[in-house]
Amino acid sequence: MPKQAAKAKKNKVNFKNETSYLFISVGIVFLLLLATHNLSHFLKENTVLGVSTEKQNSRNEIVFWEVFLYDNRNYLDGWYELAQLRLSEGNFTGANEALMEIKRVSPNSEMLVKLRSAL
């Protein structure tokens, strides 16, 4: 008779242990997912109010104006825009080159005076 009682205890499932095991497993999976998510945000490029995006856009604009002005050398507003973009990027020699082109196209331009004061 004691052998049957032992078998009965083995077949009986302890739901308290099973549910705690389930909750712990789900909690560990949740924490791993959360850690992965946070790690991906940590490794992402840090930007403050979209500065890196803005910098990339200004670089694209500079390339656009350089290509455009290669074909249209007498477009004064384009040279002014290129000088402004280069100046905002900190490229003073490039801004000076654009300034010289403005002087070549229109020596008495008001834009020329504004850019000289900015440099």
N, C-alpha and C. Protein backbone atom coordinates (compact mmCIF):
# COMPACT_ATOMS: atom_id res chain seq x y z
N MET A 1 0.77 -1.21 0.00
CA MET A 1 0.00 0.00 0.00
C MET A 1 0.82 1.29 0.00
N PRO A 2 1.88 1.32 0.69
CA PRO A 2 2.66 2.56 0.66
C PRO A 2 3.21 2.88 -0.71
N LYS A 3 3.42 1.80 -1.53
CA LYS A 3 3.93 2.07 -2.87
C LYS A 3 2.93 2.83 -3.71
N GLN A 4 1.67 2.59 -3.55
CA GLN A 4 0.65 3.29 -4.31
C GLN A 4 0.53 4.75 -3.88
N ALA A 5 0.71 5.02 -2.64
CA ALA A 5 0.64 6.40 -2.14
C ALA A 5 1.79 7.22 -2.71
N ALA A 6 2.96 6.61 -2.83
CA ALA A 6 4.10 7.31 -3.40
C ALA A 6 3.86 7.63 -4.87
N LYS A 7 3.23 6.72 -5.61
CA LYS A 7 2.92 6.96 -7.00
C LYS A 7 1.90 8.11 -7.15
N ALA A 8 0.99 8.16 -6.25
CA ALA A 8 -0.02 9.21 -6.30
C ALA A 8 0.61 10.57 -6.10
N LYS A 9 1.59 10.66 -5.25
CA LYS A 9 2.27 11.94 -5.02
C LYS A 9 3.08 12.36 -6.24
N LYS A 10 3.67 11.41 -6.97
CA LYS A 10 4.46 11.75 -8.14
C LYS A 10 3.57 12.27 -9.26
N ASN A 11 2.41 11.76 -9.43
CA ASN A 11 1.51 12.18 -10.48
C ASN A 11 0.82 13.51 -10.18
N LYS A 12 0.81 13.91 -8.94
CA LYS A 12 0.17 15.16 -8.56
C LYS A 12 1.06 16.34 -8.96
N VAL A 13 0.50 17.30 -9.69
CA VAL A 13 1.25 18.45 -10.17
C VAL A 13 1.07 19.60 -9.19
N ASN A 14 2.16 20.26 -8.84
CA ASN A 14 2.12 21.40 -7.94
C ASN A 14 1.99 22.67 -8.80
N PHE A 15 0.77 23.21 -8.87
CA PHE A 15 0.51 24.36 -9.71
C PHE A 15 1.22 25.62 -9.23
N LYS A 16 1.49 25.73 -7.97
CA LYS A 16 2.18 26.90 -7.43
C LYS A 16 3.59 26.97 -8.00
N ASN A 17 4.29 25.86 -8.05
CA ASN A 17 5.64 25.85 -8.61
C ASN A 17 5.63 26.08 -10.13
N GLU A 18 4.63 25.49 -10.80
CA GLU A 18 4.55 25.64 -12.26
C GLU A 18 4.26 27.09 -12.65
N THR A 19 3.35 27.76 -11.95
CA THR A 19 3.03 29.16 -12.28
C THR A 19 4.20 30.08 -11.95
N SER A 20 4.87 29.84 -10.85
CA SER A 20 6.02 30.69 -10.52
C SER A 20 7.12 30.48 -11.56
N TYR A 21 7.33 29.27 -12.03
CA TYR A 21 8.31 29.01 -13.08
C TYR A 21 7.92 29.73 -14.37
N LEU A 22 6.64 29.74 -14.70
CA LEU A 22 6.14 30.41 -15.88
C LEU A 22 6.37 31.92 -15.78
N PHE A 23 6.01 32.52 -14.64
CA PHE A 23 6.19 33.95 -14.47
C PHE A 23 7.66 34.34 -14.50
N ILE A 24 8.51 33.55 -13.90
CA ILE A 24 9.95 33.85 -13.92
C ILE A 24 10.48 33.76 -15.35
N SER A 25 10.06 32.76 -16.10
CA SER A 25 10.51 32.62 -17.49
C SER A 25 10.05 33.79 -18.35
N VAL A 26 8.79 34.17 -18.21
CA VAL A 26 8.26 35.30 -18.97
C VAL A 26 8.99 36.58 -18.55
N GLY A 27 9.26 36.75 -17.27
CA GLY A 27 9.97 37.94 -16.79
C GLY A 27 11.39 38.02 -17.35
N ILE A 28 12.08 36.90 -17.41
CA ILE A 28 13.44 36.90 -17.96
C ILE A 28 13.42 37.24 -19.44
N VAL A 29 12.48 36.68 -20.18
CA VAL A 29 12.37 37.00 -21.61
C VAL A 29 12.06 38.48 -21.80
N PHE A 30 11.16 39.03 -20.98
CA PHE A 30 10.82 40.45 -21.06
C PHE A 30 12.03 41.32 -20.77
N LEU A 31 12.79 40.99 -19.74
CA LEU A 31 13.99 41.77 -19.40
C LEU A 31 15.04 41.70 -20.50
N LEU A 32 15.19 40.54 -21.13
CA LEU A 32 16.14 40.42 -22.23
C LEU A 32 15.72 41.27 -23.43
N LEU A 33 14.44 41.27 -23.74
CA LEU A 33 13.94 42.11 -24.83
C LEU A 33 14.12 43.59 -24.52
N LEU A 34 13.84 43.98 -23.29
CA LEU A 34 14.01 45.37 -22.88
C LEU A 34 15.48 45.79 -22.94
N ALA A 35 16.37 44.92 -22.50
CA ALA A 35 17.80 45.23 -22.55
C ALA A 35 18.28 45.36 -23.99
N THR A 36 17.79 44.52 -24.88
CA THR A 36 18.17 44.60 -26.29
C THR A 36 17.67 45.89 -26.90
N HIS A 37 16.45 46.26 -26.58
CA HIS A 37 15.88 47.51 -27.09
C HIS A 37 16.69 48.71 -26.60
N ASN A 38 17.01 48.73 -25.32
CA ASN A 38 17.79 49.85 -24.76
C ASN A 38 19.19 49.89 -25.35
N LEU A 39 19.78 48.75 -25.59
CA LEU A 39 21.12 48.70 -26.16
C LEU A 39 21.11 49.24 -27.58
N SER A 40 20.08 48.94 -28.33
CA SER A 40 20.01 49.46 -29.70
C SER A 40 19.87 50.98 -29.70
N HIS A 41 19.13 51.53 -28.74
CA HIS A 41 19.01 52.99 -28.63
C HIS A 41 20.31 53.61 -28.14
N PHE A 42 21.03 52.92 -27.30
CA PHE A 42 22.30 53.43 -26.79
C PHE A 42 23.35 53.49 -27.89
N LEU A 43 23.36 52.49 -28.77
CA LEU A 43 24.35 52.43 -29.83
C LEU A 43 24.00 53.31 -31.03
N LYS A 44 22.76 53.77 -31.07
CA LYS A 44 22.31 54.63 -32.16
C LYS A 44 23.07 55.95 -32.09
N GLU A 45 23.24 56.61 -33.25
CA GLU A 45 23.95 57.88 -33.27
C GLU A 45 23.19 58.91 -32.44
N ASN A 46 23.91 59.59 -31.56
CA ASN A 46 23.29 60.59 -30.71
C ASN A 46 23.06 61.87 -31.51
N THR A 47 21.84 62.34 -31.49
CA THR A 47 21.51 63.59 -32.16
C THR A 47 20.78 64.49 -31.19
N VAL A 48 21.04 65.77 -31.32
CA VAL A 48 20.34 66.75 -30.51
C VAL A 48 19.49 67.58 -31.45
N LEU A 49 18.20 67.40 -31.36
CA LEU A 49 17.23 68.12 -32.17
C LEU A 49 17.51 67.99 -33.66
N GLY A 50 17.96 66.82 -34.07
CA GLY A 50 18.16 66.55 -35.48
C GLY A 50 19.37 67.20 -36.10
N VAL A 51 20.40 67.52 -35.33
CA VAL A 51 21.57 68.21 -35.85
C VAL A 51 22.27 67.37 -36.91
N SER A 52 22.44 66.08 -36.69
CA SER A 52 23.14 65.27 -37.68
C SER A 52 22.35 65.19 -38.98
N THR A 53 21.05 65.14 -38.90
CA THR A 53 20.22 65.12 -40.10
C THR A 53 20.36 66.44 -40.84
N GLU A 54 20.36 67.53 -40.10
CA GLU A 54 20.49 68.84 -40.71
C GLU A 54 21.86 68.98 -41.38
N LYS A 55 22.89 68.46 -40.75
CA LYS A 55 24.23 68.55 -41.31
C LYS A 55 24.30 67.77 -42.62
N GLN A 56 23.70 66.60 -42.66
CA GLN A 56 23.68 65.80 -43.88
C GLN A 56 22.92 66.52 -44.98
N ASN A 57 21.81 67.15 -44.63
CA ASN A 57 21.04 67.89 -45.63
C ASN A 57 21.83 69.06 -46.19
N SER A 58 22.59 69.76 -45.33
CA SER A 58 23.38 70.89 -45.81
C SER A 58 24.49 70.39 -46.73
N ARG A 59 25.06 69.23 -46.44
CA ARG A 59 26.09 68.67 -47.32
C ARG A 59 25.49 68.32 -48.69
N ASN A 60 24.28 67.77 -48.68
CA ASN A 60 23.60 67.48 -49.95
C ASN A 60 23.31 68.76 -50.74
N GLU A 61 22.95 69.82 -50.03
CA GLU A 61 22.69 71.10 -50.70
C GLU A 61 23.96 71.66 -51.30
N ILE A 62 25.08 71.54 -50.59
CA ILE A 62 26.35 72.03 -51.11
C ILE A 62 26.71 71.30 -52.40
N VAL A 63 26.55 69.99 -52.39
CA VAL A 63 26.85 69.20 -53.59
C VAL A 63 25.92 69.61 -54.73
N PHE A 64 24.65 69.83 -54.41
CA PHE A 64 23.70 70.26 -55.44
C PHE A 64 24.15 71.57 -56.08
N TRP A 65 24.48 72.56 -55.23
CA TRP A 65 24.86 73.87 -55.77
C TRP A 65 26.18 73.81 -56.53
N GLU A 66 27.11 72.98 -56.09
CA GLU A 66 28.37 72.85 -56.82
C GLU A 66 28.13 72.30 -58.22
N VAL A 67 27.30 71.28 -58.32
CA VAL A 67 26.99 70.68 -59.63
C VAL A 67 26.21 71.67 -60.49
N PHE A 68 25.24 72.33 -59.90
CA PHE A 68 24.42 73.28 -60.65
C PHE A 68 25.25 74.45 -61.15
N LEU A 69 26.12 74.98 -60.31
CA LEU A 69 26.91 76.15 -60.68
C LEU A 69 28.03 75.80 -61.65
N TYR A 70 28.38 74.54 -61.74
CA TYR A 70 29.36 74.12 -62.74
C TYR A 70 28.81 74.37 -64.15
N ASP A 71 27.51 74.16 -64.31
CA ASP A 71 26.86 74.39 -65.60
C ASP A 71 26.38 75.83 -65.77
N ASN A 72 26.03 76.50 -64.68
CA ASN A 72 25.47 77.86 -64.71
C ASN A 72 26.36 78.79 -63.90
N ARG A 73 27.49 79.16 -64.47
CA ARG A 73 28.50 79.91 -63.72
C ARG A 73 28.07 81.35 -63.41
N ASN A 74 27.10 81.88 -64.10
CA ASN A 74 26.70 83.26 -63.88
C ASN A 74 25.45 83.41 -63.01
N TYR A 75 25.04 82.36 -62.34
CA TYR A 75 23.85 82.43 -61.49
C TYR A 75 24.25 82.95 -60.11
N LEU A 76 24.02 84.23 -59.90
CA LEU A 76 24.49 84.95 -58.71
C LEU A 76 23.88 84.41 -57.42
N ASP A 77 22.58 84.16 -57.41
CA ASP A 77 21.92 83.66 -56.20
C ASP A 77 22.46 82.29 -55.78
N GLY A 78 22.82 81.48 -56.76
CA GLY A 78 23.40 80.17 -56.45
C GLY A 78 24.74 80.30 -55.76
N TRP A 79 25.58 81.22 -56.24
CA TRP A 79 26.88 81.42 -55.59
C TRP A 79 26.70 81.96 -54.17
N TYR A 80 25.72 82.83 -54.01
CA TYR A 80 25.44 83.36 -52.67
C TYR A 80 24.98 82.23 -51.73
N GLU A 81 24.11 81.37 -52.21
CA GLU A 81 23.61 80.26 -51.39
C GLU A 81 24.75 79.30 -51.04
N LEU A 82 25.61 79.01 -52.02
CA LEU A 82 26.75 78.14 -51.78
C LEU A 82 27.70 78.74 -50.75
N ALA A 83 27.93 80.04 -50.85
CA ALA A 83 28.81 80.71 -49.87
C ALA A 83 28.21 80.64 -48.47
N GLN A 84 26.91 80.85 -48.36
CA GLN A 84 26.24 80.77 -47.05
C GLN A 84 26.34 79.37 -46.46
N LEU A 85 26.11 78.35 -47.29
CA LEU A 85 26.18 76.98 -46.80
C LEU A 85 27.58 76.61 -46.36
N ARG A 86 28.56 76.99 -47.15
CA ARG A 86 29.95 76.69 -46.77
C ARG A 86 30.34 77.44 -45.51
N LEU A 87 29.87 78.66 -45.38
CA LEU A 87 30.17 79.44 -44.18
C LEU A 87 29.53 78.81 -42.95
N SER A 88 28.29 78.34 -43.07
CA SER A 88 27.62 77.71 -41.93
C SER A 88 28.28 76.39 -41.56
N GLU A 89 28.92 75.75 -42.54
CA GLU A 89 29.62 74.49 -42.28
C GLU A 89 31.00 74.75 -41.67
N GLY A 90 31.50 75.98 -41.76
CA GLY A 90 32.82 76.31 -41.23
C GLY A 90 33.92 76.24 -42.26
N ASN A 91 33.55 76.08 -43.52
CA ASN A 91 34.53 76.01 -44.61
C ASN A 91 34.76 77.43 -45.13
N PHE A 92 35.71 78.14 -44.51
CA PHE A 92 35.94 79.54 -44.86
C PHE A 92 36.64 79.69 -46.21
N THR A 93 37.50 78.76 -46.55
CA THR A 93 38.16 78.85 -47.86
C THR A 93 37.16 78.62 -48.98
N GLY A 94 36.26 77.67 -48.80
CA GLY A 94 35.21 77.44 -49.79
C GLY A 94 34.28 78.63 -49.92
N ALA A 95 33.98 79.26 -48.78
CA ALA A 95 33.13 80.46 -48.81
C ALA A 95 33.85 81.59 -49.53
N ASN A 96 35.15 81.69 -49.33
CA ASN A 96 35.93 82.72 -50.04
C ASN A 96 35.94 82.48 -51.54
N GLU A 97 36.02 81.22 -51.95
CA GLU A 97 35.98 80.90 -53.38
C GLU A 97 34.64 81.32 -53.98
N ALA A 98 33.57 81.04 -53.27
CA ALA A 98 32.24 81.45 -53.75
C ALA A 98 32.14 82.97 -53.77
N LEU A 99 32.77 83.62 -52.81
CA LEU A 99 32.78 85.09 -52.76
C LEU A 99 33.50 85.66 -53.97
N MET A 100 34.58 85.03 -54.38
CA MET A 100 35.32 85.48 -55.56
C MET A 100 34.48 85.31 -56.84
N GLU A 101 33.69 84.24 -56.87
CA GLU A 101 32.82 84.04 -58.03
C GLU A 101 31.70 85.08 -58.06
N ILE A 102 31.18 85.44 -56.89
CA ILE A 102 30.17 86.51 -56.84
C ILE A 102 30.78 87.81 -57.35
N LYS A 103 32.03 88.08 -56.94
CA LYS A 103 32.73 89.29 -57.39
C LYS A 103 32.95 89.26 -58.90
N ARG A 104 33.22 88.08 -59.46
CA ARG A 104 33.43 87.95 -60.90
C ARG A 104 32.12 88.21 -61.65
N VAL A 105 31.01 87.66 -61.13
CA VAL A 105 29.72 87.80 -61.82
C VAL A 105 29.17 89.21 -61.67
N SER A 106 29.21 89.74 -60.46
CA SER A 106 28.64 91.07 -60.22
C SER A 106 29.49 91.78 -59.16
N PRO A 107 30.46 92.58 -59.58
CA PRO A 107 31.38 93.22 -58.63
C PRO A 107 30.72 94.21 -57.67
N ASN A 108 29.58 94.77 -58.03
CA ASN A 108 28.93 95.77 -57.19
C ASN A 108 27.71 95.22 -56.47
N SER A 109 27.66 93.94 -56.25
CA SER A 109 26.50 93.29 -55.65
C SER A 109 26.41 93.59 -54.15
N GLU A 110 25.17 93.73 -53.67
CA GLU A 110 24.95 93.91 -52.23
C GLU A 110 25.28 92.63 -51.47
N MET A 111 25.07 91.50 -52.13
CA MET A 111 25.38 90.21 -51.50
C MET A 111 26.87 90.11 -51.17
N LEU A 112 27.68 90.69 -52.02
CA LEU A 112 29.12 90.66 -51.81
C LEU A 112 29.50 91.39 -50.53
N VAL A 113 28.86 92.52 -50.29
CA VAL A 113 29.12 93.30 -49.08
C VAL A 113 28.68 92.53 -47.84
N LYS A 114 27.51 91.87 -47.91
CA LYS A 114 27.02 91.09 -46.76
C LYS A 114 27.94 89.93 -46.44
N LEU A 115 28.42 89.24 -47.47
CA LEU A 115 29.28 88.09 -47.23
C LEU A 115 30.65 88.52 -46.71
N ARG A 116 31.17 89.62 -47.21
CA ARG A 116 32.47 90.12 -46.70
C ARG A 116 32.37 90.46 -45.23
N SER A 117 31.25 91.02 -44.81
CA SER A 117 31.09 91.37 -43.40
C SER A 117 30.94 90.10 -42.55
N ALA A 118 30.36 89.04 -43.13
CA ALA A 118 30.21 87.79 -42.39
C ALA A 118 31.54 87.06 -42.23
N LEU A 119 32.44 87.21 -43.18
CA LEU A 119 33.75 86.58 -43.09
C LEU A 119 34.66 87.42 -42.24
